[in-house]
Every structure is written in C-alpha cells, then in structure tokens.
Protein backbone atom coordinates (compact mmCIF):
# COMPACT_ATOMS: atom_id res chain seq x y z
CA MET A 1 -0.16 0.03 0.02
CA PRO A 2 1.34 3.32 -1.17
CA GLN A 3 2.24 5.35 1.74
CA MET A 4 0.41 9.11 1.98
CA LYS A 5 2.42 12.22 2.01
CA LEU A 6 0.83 14.70 4.95
CA PHE A 7 3.55 17.16 4.35
CA GLY A 8 5.76 18.26 1.72
CA ASN A 9 8.85 17.26 3.80
CA SER A 10 9.73 16.44 7.72
CA ARG A 11 11.03 20.11 8.11
CA SER A 12 7.53 21.29 7.08
CA ALA A 13 6.05 19.50 9.43
CA ALA A 14 8.62 20.50 12.34
CA ARG A 15 7.12 24.02 11.14
CA VAL A 16 3.56 23.45 11.85
CA ALA A 17 3.88 21.30 14.94
CA GLY A 18 5.99 24.23 16.35
CA ARG A 19 3.80 26.88 15.65
CA ARG A 20 0.33 24.88 17.00
CA LYS A 21 2.33 24.07 20.04
CA ALA A 22 3.63 28.05 20.74
CA GLU A 23 -0.02 29.12 19.96
CA PRO A 24 -2.28 26.61 21.64
CA GLU A 25 -6.23 27.39 21.45
CA ASN A 26 -7.96 29.24 24.17
CA GLU A 27 -4.82 29.50 26.48
CA PRO A 28 -4.23 32.82 28.14
CA LYS A 29 -1.29 35.07 27.04
CA GLU A 30 1.03 35.56 30.24
CA LYS A 31 1.04 39.14 31.67
CA LYS A 32 4.07 40.79 32.17
CA GLN A 33 4.85 41.41 35.77
CA LYS A 34 5.23 45.17 36.94
CA LYS A 35 8.56 46.01 38.45
CA LYS A 36 8.24 47.05 41.99
CA LYS A 37 9.64 50.88 42.12
CA PRO A 38 10.77 51.14 45.93
CA LEU A 39 11.50 54.62 45.56
CA LYS A 40 8.09 55.15 44.58
CA VAL A 41 6.49 53.29 47.48
CA LEU A 42 8.91 55.29 49.58
CA ALA A 43 7.53 58.71 48.27
CA ILE A 44 4.02 57.64 48.75
CA TRP A 45 4.54 56.82 53.00
CA LEU A 46 6.83 60.13 53.30
CA THR A 47 4.05 62.18 51.80
CA VAL A 48 1.49 60.23 53.95
CA ILE A 49 3.73 60.91 57.43
CA LEU A 50 4.54 64.72 56.37
CA CYS A 51 0.66 65.20 55.64
CA LEU A 52 -0.25 63.52 59.17
CA GLU A 53 2.32 65.68 60.66
CA GLY A 54 1.38 68.86 59.28
CA LEU A 55 -2.26 67.79 60.45
CA TYR A 56 -0.91 67.35 63.76
CA PHE A 57 0.77 70.67 64.39
CA PHE A 58 -2.21 72.33 62.62
CA LEU A 59 -4.38 71.16 65.29
CA CYS A 60 -1.84 71.65 68.25
CA TYR A 61 -1.00 75.41 67.36
CA THR A 62 -3.41 76.68 65.25
CA GLN A 63 -5.45 79.83 66.09
CA ASN A 64 -8.50 78.84 64.24
CA SER A 65 -11.12 79.49 66.58
CA PHE A 66 -13.19 76.52 65.93
CA VAL A 67 -10.20 74.29 66.31
CA LYS A 68 -8.81 75.91 69.47
CA ARG A 69 -12.39 75.61 71.16
CA TRP A 70 -12.51 71.89 71.02
CA ARG A 71 -8.73 71.70 71.51
CA THR A 72 -9.16 73.25 74.61
CA ILE A 73 -12.40 71.05 75.29
CA TYR A 74 -10.51 67.93 74.79
CA ILE A 75 -7.65 69.13 77.11
CA GLN A 76 -9.74 70.05 79.83
CA THR A 77 -11.95 66.77 79.57
CA ALA A 78 -8.73 64.90 79.72
CA MET A 79 -7.19 66.78 82.70
CA SER A 80 -10.40 66.97 84.99
CA THR A 81 -9.78 63.40 85.67
CA MET A 82 -6.53 61.40 87.17
CA ARG A 83 -7.57 58.58 85.07
CA HIS A 84 -7.55 60.07 81.67
CA GLN A 85 -4.72 62.83 81.98
CA TRP A 86 -2.69 60.62 79.67
CA MET A 87 -5.18 61.32 76.47
CA ALA A 88 -3.34 64.93 77.06
CA THR A 89 -0.04 64.48 78.32
CA TYR A 90 1.04 61.81 75.76
CA LEU A 91 -0.44 63.27 72.72
CA LEU A 92 0.17 67.07 73.14
CA PRO A 93 3.05 69.03 73.77
CA GLU A 94 3.30 70.48 77.21
CA SER A 95 3.33 73.89 75.93
CA VAL A 96 -0.31 73.63 74.81
CA ILE A 97 -1.50 72.09 77.81
CA ASP A 98 0.09 74.44 80.04
CA GLU A 99 -1.56 77.43 78.33
CA VAL A 100 -5.15 75.88 78.87
CA LEU A 101 -4.27 75.29 82.22
CA GLN A 102 -3.60 79.23 82.81
CA MET A 103 -7.21 79.47 82.00
CA ARG A 104 -7.88 77.81 85.27
CA ILE A 105 -5.72 80.47 87.25
CA GLN A 106 -7.72 83.18 85.11
CA ALA A 107 -10.93 81.98 85.94
CA ALA A 108 -10.13 81.90 89.94
CA GLU A 109 -8.55 85.14 89.90
CA ALA A 110 -11.96 86.31 88.00
CA VAL A 111 -13.75 85.04 91.09
CA GLY A 112 -11.48 86.91 93.64
CA ASP A 113 -12.71 86.96 96.92
CA LYS A 114 -16.51 86.88 96.31
CA GLU A 115 -18.46 85.19 98.83
CA SER A 116 -22.26 84.74 99.71
CA SER A 117 -23.86 87.42 102.21
CA TRP A 118 -27.56 87.83 101.27
CA SER A 119 -27.45 91.09 102.91
CA THR A 120 -28.12 92.88 99.76
CA LYS A 121 -31.27 92.29 97.32
CA PRO A 122 -29.73 89.86 94.56
CA GLU A 123 -29.38 90.79 91.25
CA THR A 124 -31.50 88.28 89.55
CA THR A 125 -33.47 88.95 86.29
CA PRO A 126 -36.73 86.87 86.60
CA THR A 127 -37.74 85.01 83.78
CA GLU A 128 -40.69 86.31 82.01
CA PRO A 129 -43.47 83.88 82.10
CA ALA A 130 -45.08 82.76 78.80
CA GLU A 131 -48.37 84.34 77.67
CA PRO A 132 -51.24 81.94 78.76
CA ASP A 133 -54.11 80.80 76.40
CA VAL A 134 -56.36 82.00 79.15
CA LYS A 135 -56.49 84.22 82.10
CA PRO A 136 -54.35 82.61 84.54
CA VAL A 137 -55.91 81.46 88.11
CA ASP A 138 -55.21 84.52 90.67
CA THR A 139 -52.29 82.54 93.20
CA GLU A 140 -53.00 85.12 95.97
CA VAL A 141 -54.98 82.83 98.37
CA THR A 142 -58.02 84.61 99.24
CA GLU A 143 -59.02 84.57 103.23
CA LEU A 144 -62.53 83.70 103.80
CA PRO A 145 -64.40 83.21 106.86
CA THR A 146 -63.94 79.45 108.12
CA GLU A 147 -67.89 79.24 109.19
CA THR A 148 -69.20 79.98 105.92
CA MET A 149 -66.97 78.12 103.68
CA THR A 150 -68.16 75.09 101.63
CA GLN A 151 -66.39 72.29 100.15
CA GLU A 152 -66.19 74.16 96.80
CA ASP A 153 -64.51 77.15 98.77
CA GLU A 154 -61.83 74.88 100.28
CA GLN A 155 -60.89 73.34 97.23
CA GLU A 156 -60.73 76.86 95.31
CA LEU A 157 -58.47 77.85 98.52
CA ALA A 158 -56.08 74.96 98.14
CA ARG A 159 -56.05 75.25 94.09
CA GLN A 160 -54.42 78.80 94.81
CA ALA A 161 -52.64 77.71 97.54
CA PHE A 162 -51.08 75.02 95.00
CA TYR A 163 -50.26 77.41 92.24
CA GLU A 164 -48.63 79.95 94.60
CA LEU A 165 -45.94 77.17 95.82
CA PHE A 166 -45.39 75.75 92.30
CA TRP A 167 -45.33 79.31 90.99
CA GLU A 168 -43.23 78.22 87.65
CA LEU A 169 -46.25 75.90 86.56
CA ASP A 170 -48.09 77.25 83.31
CA GLN A 171 -51.55 76.78 84.65
CA THR A 172 -53.29 76.24 81.09
CA THR A 173 -51.32 72.84 80.60
CA MET A 174 -51.49 71.96 84.36
CA GLU A 175 -55.42 72.11 84.12
CA ASP A 176 -55.41 70.48 80.61
CA TYR A 177 -53.76 67.81 82.71
CA VAL A 178 -56.11 67.87 85.38
CA ALA A 179 -58.93 67.72 83.14
CA GLN A 180 -57.53 64.47 80.97
CA ASN A 181 -56.29 62.76 84.47
CA PRO A 182 -58.89 63.83 87.09
CA SER A 183 -57.70 61.11 89.66
CA VAL A 184 -55.15 63.18 90.54
CA LEU A 185 -57.49 65.18 92.35
CA ASP A 186 -58.77 62.04 94.56
CA ASN A 187 -56.44 63.54 97.79
CA GLY A 188 -57.02 67.00 96.59
CA TRP A 189 -54.83 69.86 95.45
CA GLU A 190 -52.62 69.53 98.41
CA ASN A 191 -51.88 66.10 97.82
CA ILE A 192 -51.68 65.81 94.41
CA ASN A 193 -48.72 63.40 93.47
CA ILE A 194 -47.54 62.91 89.85
CA ASN A 195 -44.82 61.06 88.89
CA GLU A 196 -43.36 60.70 85.18
CA ALA A 197 -39.96 60.86 85.82
CA GLY A 198 -38.77 57.48 85.29
CA LEU A 199 -36.19 56.05 82.95
CA ASP A 200 -39.20 54.49 80.95
CA ASP A 201 -41.77 57.51 81.47
CA ASN A 202 -41.97 59.82 78.62
CA GLY A 203 -42.84 62.73 81.34
CA THR A 204 -46.06 64.80 81.49
CA SER A 205 -47.73 67.32 79.05
CA ILE A 206 -47.46 69.73 81.88
CA MET A 207 -44.76 72.72 81.13
CA THR A 208 -43.37 75.27 83.16
CA THR A 209 -43.59 79.15 82.21
CA MET A 210 -39.67 78.67 81.10
CA GLY A 211 -40.69 76.19 78.33
CA GLU A 212 -39.75 72.93 80.52
CA GLN A 213 -41.27 69.87 80.53
CA VAL A 214 -42.93 68.51 84.03
CA LEU A 215 -41.76 65.36 85.06
CA ALA A 216 -42.96 65.12 88.95
CA ILE A 217 -45.07 66.99 91.04
CA ASN A 218 -45.49 66.27 94.70
CA ALA A 219 -47.44 68.85 96.46
CA LYS A 220 -47.31 67.40 100.19
CA GLU A 221 -43.54 66.83 100.02
CA GLU A 222 -43.19 70.34 98.12
CA ILE A 223 -41.09 69.08 95.28
CA MET A 224 -41.37 69.03 91.51
CA LEU A 225 -38.95 67.83 88.66
CA VAL A 226 -38.60 69.40 85.17
CA ARG A 227 -36.75 68.25 82.06
CA VAL A 228 -33.88 70.63 80.75
CA GLU A 229 -32.38 69.84 77.69
CA GLY A 230 -30.30 71.58 75.17
CA SER A 231 -27.48 71.24 72.10
CA GLY A 232 -25.57 67.96 73.18
CA TYR A 233 -27.14 67.61 76.80
CA ARG A 234 -30.22 66.70 78.97
CA GLY A 235 -30.96 66.21 82.52
CA ILE A 236 -33.37 67.29 85.53
CA LEU A 237 -33.76 69.97 87.53
CA ALA A 238 -35.29 69.19 91.03
CA ILE A 239 -36.95 71.91 93.16
CA ALA A 240 -37.33 71.22 96.40
CA LYS A 241 -39.71 74.00 97.96
CA ASP A 242 -38.37 73.34 101.96
CA PRO A 243 -34.87 74.16 102.24
CA ALA A 244 -34.95 73.20 105.89
CA ARG A 245 -35.52 69.34 104.88
CA LEU A 246 -31.81 69.23 102.50
CA ASN A 247 -28.95 67.92 104.15
CA VAL A 248 -25.55 66.49 103.58
CA GLU A 249 -26.13 62.85 104.44
CA ASN A 250 -23.10 59.85 104.67
CA SER A 251 -22.58 56.83 103.51
CA SER A 252 -23.02 54.52 106.13
CA GLY A 253 -18.91 53.39 105.59
CA VAL A 254 -17.70 56.94 104.93
CA GLY A 255 -13.84 56.93 105.17
CA GLN A 256 -14.08 53.16 104.32
CA PHE A 257 -16.57 52.67 101.45
CA GLY A 258 -19.20 54.56 99.62
CA GLN A 259 -22.81 53.71 98.46
CA LEU A 260 -25.18 54.29 96.01
CA THR A 261 -26.91 57.47 96.07
CA GLY A 262 -30.15 56.01 96.22
CA THR A 263 -29.36 53.60 99.32
CA ILE A 264 -27.90 56.72 101.29
CA ALA A 265 -31.35 58.30 100.81
CA GLN A 266 -33.48 55.55 101.74
CA ALA A 267 -31.13 55.29 104.81
CA HIS A 268 -32.23 58.49 106.08
CA ASN A 269 -35.96 58.80 105.01
CA GLY A 270 -35.01 60.69 101.79
CA ILE A 271 -37.49 61.29 99.12
CA LEU A 272 -34.55 62.91 96.63
CA ALA A 273 -30.81 63.07 96.76
CA THR A 274 -28.14 63.49 94.39
CA THR A 275 -24.37 63.16 94.57
CA CYS A 276 -22.10 65.95 96.32
CA SER A 277 -18.41 65.61 97.53
CA GLY A 278 -16.00 64.05 95.51
CA PHE A 279 -13.69 60.81 96.48
CA ILE A 280 -10.26 60.09 95.64
CA ASP A 281 -10.58 57.57 93.52
CA ILE A 282 -7.83 54.98 94.04
CA ASP A 283 -7.91 51.45 94.82
CA SER A 284 -5.74 49.93 97.47
CA GLN A 285 -3.40 48.66 94.39
CA GLY A 286 -2.81 52.09 93.26
CA ASN A 287 -5.07 52.04 90.27
CA TRP A 288 -6.82 55.25 89.32
CA GLY A 289 -10.63 55.17 88.61
CA ASN A 290 -11.28 51.90 90.80
CA GLY A 291 -11.91 53.83 94.18
CA ASN A 292 -14.94 52.33 96.15
CA GLY A 293 -15.78 56.05 97.09
CA GLY A 294 -15.38 55.65 100.59
CA LEU A 295 -12.35 58.33 100.49
CA ILE A 296 -13.94 61.73 100.74
CA ALA A 297 -11.95 64.40 99.23
CA GLY A 298 -12.06 67.75 100.73
CA TYR A 299 -14.00 68.63 103.82
CA ALA A 300 -17.80 67.80 104.23
CA MET A 301 -20.40 68.63 106.99
CA SER A 302 -23.25 66.50 108.00
CA ASN A 303 -25.70 67.68 110.35
CA GLY A 304 -23.29 69.60 112.26
CA HIS A 305 -20.51 66.75 112.44
CA GLY A 306 -17.46 67.79 110.18
CA TYR A 307 -15.30 65.16 108.35
CA GLY A 308 -12.48 64.97 105.90
CA THR A 309 -9.58 67.17 105.43
CA HIS A 310 -9.90 70.58 103.54
CA TYR A 311 -8.69 71.29 100.22
CA VAL A 312 -5.64 73.56 99.89
CA SER A 313 -6.20 76.42 97.78
CA ASN A 314 -3.31 77.32 95.17
CA PRO A 315 -2.99 79.54 92.43
CA ASN A 316 -3.35 76.49 90.00
CA PHE A 317 -6.96 75.25 91.56
CA GLN A 318 -8.91 77.56 93.61
CA TYR A 319 -11.50 75.27 95.96
CA TYR A 320 -14.31 76.75 97.19
CA ARG A 321 -17.03 75.41 100.09
CA LEU A 322 -20.54 75.54 100.11
CA GLU A 323 -22.10 75.61 103.44
CA ILE A 324 -25.91 75.45 104.32
CA HIS A 325 -26.50 77.49 107.80
CA THR A 326 -29.10 76.90 110.52
CA ASP A 327 -30.98 79.78 108.80
CA ASN A 328 -31.33 77.25 105.61
CA LEU A 329 -29.68 79.41 103.15
CA ILE A 330 -26.59 78.34 101.18
CA TYR A 331 -23.45 80.22 101.52
CA ILE A 332 -20.24 79.94 99.18
CA LYS A 333 -16.63 80.74 100.31
CA LYS A 334 -12.75 80.11 99.54
CA VAL A 335 -11.97 76.84 101.61
CA ASP A 336 -9.10 78.85 103.32
CA LYS A 337 -11.96 80.89 105.14
CA GLU A 338 -13.17 79.27 108.70
CA VAL A 339 -16.36 77.34 108.46
CA SER A 340 -19.06 79.04 109.99
CA GLU A 341 -20.16 78.38 113.31
CA ASP A 342 -23.58 78.29 112.47
CA CYS A 343 -22.96 75.85 109.39
CA ARG A 344 -25.14 72.63 109.49
CA ASP A 345 -24.12 71.27 106.35
CA ALA A 346 -21.30 71.70 103.64
CA THR A 347 -19.00 70.29 100.60
CA GLU A 348 -15.78 71.65 98.94
CA PHE A 349 -15.39 71.62 95.12
CA GLN A 350 -15.56 74.13 92.48
CA PRO A 351 -16.38 76.38 90.99
CA PRO A 352 -19.08 78.96 92.35
CA ILE A 353 -21.01 79.67 89.52
CA ILE A 354 -23.59 82.10 91.01
CA ILE A 355 -22.42 84.21 94.10
CA ASP A 356 -25.45 86.82 95.51
CA GLY A 357 -27.09 86.75 91.99
CA GLU A 358 -24.25 87.44 89.70
CA VAL A 359 -23.23 84.56 87.31
CA LEU A 360 -19.66 83.89 87.16
CA GLN A 361 -18.71 83.47 83.43
CA ASN A 362 -15.98 80.76 83.43
CA ASP A 363 -13.56 80.30 80.44
CA TYR A 364 -12.02 77.14 82.24
CA TRP A 365 -14.87 74.70 82.88
CA VAL A 366 -16.10 74.63 79.60
CA GLU A 367 -15.67 70.97 78.83
CA LEU A 368 -18.95 68.92 77.92
CA ASN A 369 -19.13 66.69 80.96
CA PRO A 370 -22.08 65.18 83.12
CA ARG A 371 -22.66 67.79 85.94
CA VAL A 372 -24.15 68.20 89.21
CA CYS A 373 -24.82 71.44 90.76
CA ILE A 374 -26.63 72.98 93.58
CA GLY A 375 -28.19 76.34 94.01
CA GLN A 376 -30.68 78.29 95.87
CA SER A 377 -33.24 80.52 94.51
CA ASP A 378 -34.63 83.92 95.87
CA LYS A 379 -37.47 82.39 97.14
CA TYR A 380 -35.18 79.98 99.00
CA GLU A 381 -36.36 76.75 97.19
CA MET A 382 -33.13 74.49 96.82
CA LEU A 383 -31.89 73.46 93.15
CA LEU A 384 -30.58 70.42 92.52
CA LEU A 385 -29.71 69.96 88.66
CA VAL A 386 -28.22 66.86 87.16
CA ILE A 387 -26.67 66.79 83.68
CA GLU A 388 -26.48 63.63 81.56
CA GLY A 389 -23.27 63.11 79.80
CA ARG A 390 -20.87 60.66 77.79
CA LEU A 391 -23.74 58.92 76.10
CA TYR A 392 -22.25 59.22 72.55
CA THR A 393 -24.42 57.13 70.23
CA GLU A 394 -27.24 59.65 71.27
CA GLY A 395 -25.31 62.59 71.07
CA ILE A 396 -25.63 63.30 74.79
CA LEU A 397 -22.16 64.67 75.76
CA GLY A 398 -22.93 66.58 78.77
CA THR A 399 -22.54 70.64 79.09
CA ASP A 400 -20.30 73.32 80.73
CA VAL A 401 -20.63 75.08 83.98
CA ASN A 402 -21.59 78.34 82.22
CA GLU A 403 -25.22 76.37 80.58
CA CYS A 404 -25.89 74.77 84.06
CA ALA A 405 -25.84 78.63 85.26
CA LYS A 406 -28.08 79.67 82.81
CA ILE A 407 -30.54 76.78 83.69
CA LEU A 408 -30.50 78.04 87.36
CA GLN A 409 -30.81 81.41 86.50
CA ARG A 410 -34.24 80.68 84.62
CA HIS A 411 -35.34 79.78 88.19
CA ASN A 412 -33.79 82.87 89.79
CA ALA A 413 -30.72 81.45 91.55
CA VAL A 414 -29.06 83.53 94.02
CA GLN A 415 -26.08 80.81 95.30
CA ALA A 416 -24.94 78.01 93.11
CA MET A 417 -22.10 75.82 92.80
CA ASN A 418 -20.69 73.15 90.49
CA VAL A 419 -20.12 69.74 92.92
CA ASP A 420 -19.04 66.50 91.96
CA GLY A 421 -20.22 65.07 88.47
CA GLY A 422 -18.32 62.87 85.70
CA THR A 423 -19.15 59.47 86.72
CA SER A 424 -20.56 59.91 89.86
CA ALA A 425 -23.18 62.13 88.53
CA MET A 426 -26.82 60.68 89.36
CA MET A 427 -30.28 61.66 91.01
CA TRP A 428 -32.61 59.45 92.85
CA TYR A 429 -36.24 60.30 93.26
CA ASP A 430 -39.20 58.34 94.98
CA GLY A 431 -37.39 54.75 95.08
CA GLU A 432 -35.96 55.06 91.63
CA TYR A 433 -32.93 56.54 89.50
CA VAL A 434 -34.34 59.13 87.16
CA ILE A 435 -30.61 59.64 85.34
CA ARG A 436 -28.38 57.45 83.40
CA GLY A 437 -24.94 56.96 84.40
CA SER A 438 -22.00 57.94 81.94
CA ASN A 439 -20.41 54.36 82.87
CA PRO A 440 -22.08 51.66 80.64
CA PRO A 441 -21.91 48.80 83.18
CA THR A 442 -23.88 50.86 85.90
CA ARG A 443 -25.86 53.14 83.56
CA TYR A 444 -29.24 52.28 84.98
CA THR A 445 -28.22 50.84 88.26
CA GLY A 446 -27.12 53.86 90.55
CA SER A 447 -23.63 54.76 88.88
CA ARG A 448 -20.75 54.70 91.31
CA PRO A 449 -20.57 54.60 95.19
CA VAL A 450 -20.16 57.81 96.87
CA PRO A 451 -19.28 59.20 100.37
CA ASN A 452 -22.35 61.11 100.70
CA ALA A 453 -25.11 62.61 99.09
CA PHE A 454 -27.52 65.89 99.06
CA VAL A 455 -30.75 63.84 100.88
CA TYR A 456 -33.89 65.83 100.67
CA HIS A 457 -35.88 64.35 103.72
CA LYS A 458 -39.55 63.39 103.20
CA VAL A 459 -42.21 65.30 105.52
CA GLU A 460 -42.66 63.65 108.98
CA GLU A 461 -45.51 62.13 109.72
C-alpha cells in the first residue's frame, strides 16, 4: 500500500507542529509582571507621614477659633480626672496643655474673694412668663370666713395655694392635665402626686412658664422635677421648696467605703438625692478610677458634724466651700476661710457659678461633661441640677458650667456651685434612679458608690 504524504517534507511538518505548540487554542497570554519601584512606594509613605505631621501641628498650634475651642475642651476633659490625663499629656505638647491650664488660674482670679452674703437684694433677672392661652388663676390666697366656707371654697383655696407654691407652672397645661387625669385630685390639690420621671417614662404634658417639661409634682413633699435639655445635653432640675429638709448625708461606711446615692437616701428617710462631695478615686493597688467611694476628697459637714480634710487652695486650683447654715440659706466661700459657726451642712468643690445673684462667667470649665450643681433661689428653694453626659451614640455629651448657670438663673438662683459630677453624677427620686449614668455597666443602676449625698427628706408623719 502506498504511503500518504501529509507534509511536503519533515522540515515542513516540524514548522507546523512548532507553530501549533507555540499558539495553543484558548490559552490566555501571560501578563507581564510590573517591576516594583521602591522609591515610588517610599515617596508615598513619606507624603502620608508629612501630611499627618502637618495635621498634628495644625491641630496643636492653630489659632483657628473652631479648632482651638475643641482642642481646649479636649484638654480640659482629659485633665479633669487622674484616670484620663494621659489622653492629653501623651498626645499634646506640654506648652499647649499649660496654656489651657493657665485659663484655670484666670478663672479663679476672676472670682477673687467673692463670697455669699445675702445682705443685699440679689441682682436676678426673673424670667418673663409665657403668655397663657387663658387668663391665669389668681395665685393670691383669698381668706374666707371658716364658718361660711363650703367644700368648693376649700377646694378653691387649696387650688390657689398649690399654684402659689408651684409658681413656675404654666397653669393652662396643668389644668388640661388635670382634666385628662381627674384621679390626680382624688386626695385634693394639697396631695397631688404625679410621677412620670422614671427612665421608662416620657414625662407629663405639663410645662413650666420657662418652657420646661414637668416630670413630677409632689404637693405634700413640696417638690417638682422638670426636664432640662439643649444642644448635646439633657438632665433634670429638682426644685425642693422647703430648704430646711435638705442635708448632706453620709454613706454608712464613709472613710472606708461608699454607697449608691439611692441607698444613702433610703437610709435617711429621703425622697430625693443627688451626688455631693468628690472622693479619692484610687484602689488599694494604686489604680486610678477604681476607688470604692469611701475616701472623701476635701472637707464636708453632715448635720453639724465635720469630717475629711480641707482642700488646699493654690493659684492653679482654687476650691470653694458651699455651706448650708442654720438659717437654711446657702453660703459660698473659699476653702481657706473658717467654717461658719452656724454651718450645719457643707461640701467643698469648684467652681462657684452664681454668688449673690451674679453669674460668674467661666472660661475654663467649658468641657462637655455630666454635671451636678446645687443652688438656691430668691424664694429660698433648693435647686438640684443633674446633667447626663458621655452617651455618645445618642449625641448626649454633657455641658459646661456656664450652661448650668443659665438653667439655674431661669429659676432665679441667688447662689449656686458646681459639685462632683462626671461618672458619679446621679439623681434618685421616690424609689428609682431618674438619671442615666455615664458608665455603661452601671448606667441604669445608680452609677458609682459615693461618700455622701444631698438628701431631701420626706415630711415627718
């Protein structure tokens, strides 16, 4: 059988086979590998580092008003507690921190030797009441002959007395609330007890003439709680009408261990309590931020008995003492002054924010923090203010002492001072906590143990 010739010759066959092998069907062509350019990579990293360094120096030293304000707030917030000072000292130059701390000296110098006197009429500016929708009820109590008084007359007198005591109320919204909830009058105007201040409550529809939402009214105990809120903060102002029933009360282990604010209040027949003195926040191993609340910082007095050691004032940190005297009035003075002979309760902290009706504008204590302040109005009511803060996911950061002064001034505060706030800031009312703490693990359970508390006592039966 003759052989078939597929290619002209073996050389041609080899060329065809080689071409097919070199160009197989559907096989992707190999990509050329890019050569790395180390100098280009290095240049990119150097550029990034230089940009970050430039940004760092800009944030540290710029005089741009917006950046400077928030830089100041950051430094003040970090330096306000021993536990967080590293956030400033590790990251920022000492000269920048010293510039901010110098503002603290200037703030103390601005207060000077001012102290409370109550000897002259306070220069308060009463808040103009909102124009009501209807003519307000005359709050002057009309005296009627007792032998001719009817049940309706007695009810009207009780009603007028109620509005005289709670002068802040917008009467239109109060009357509407009573109309919608008639059971609040089951025991008469003199025994109205409304409480919608709990953490799960939304408050009432009642308003004050200052535009604040009313959370609770207890006519028998002569107390009212109102919601205060503004940009980046919210809190509660408690107005305790009888100053004689407010005292500083100790934890059962003061000097050794602290207790929660509510625990202290319940042990002393209290219906309202807020935090009071600061404490040395260090544990037995020397760790800051882990103290048990027992070691009071500064001096305090409870029902005439003094304890603790006075703060030592210096140009860098000027402390003040808030005293409640036997005349049931608040007096504020520097800690280096002698404790008054007629002082019954006291605490030491800083700064004072209102003295004899004068608001003391402060350029240092402007960091946004949870706050606790105590004041007294020209009607001698005790004003207990607690501001929530550090609830970052909700935009609730806290506020500064100047905003606290504005809130208290709306209620005609004559004297007022900032006391221990921060993680300790708490308010307890009628068996429950009504303020959220800034520490997540104890946010709803009373925050931290403290050495003492301002306690407003129940009426003695």
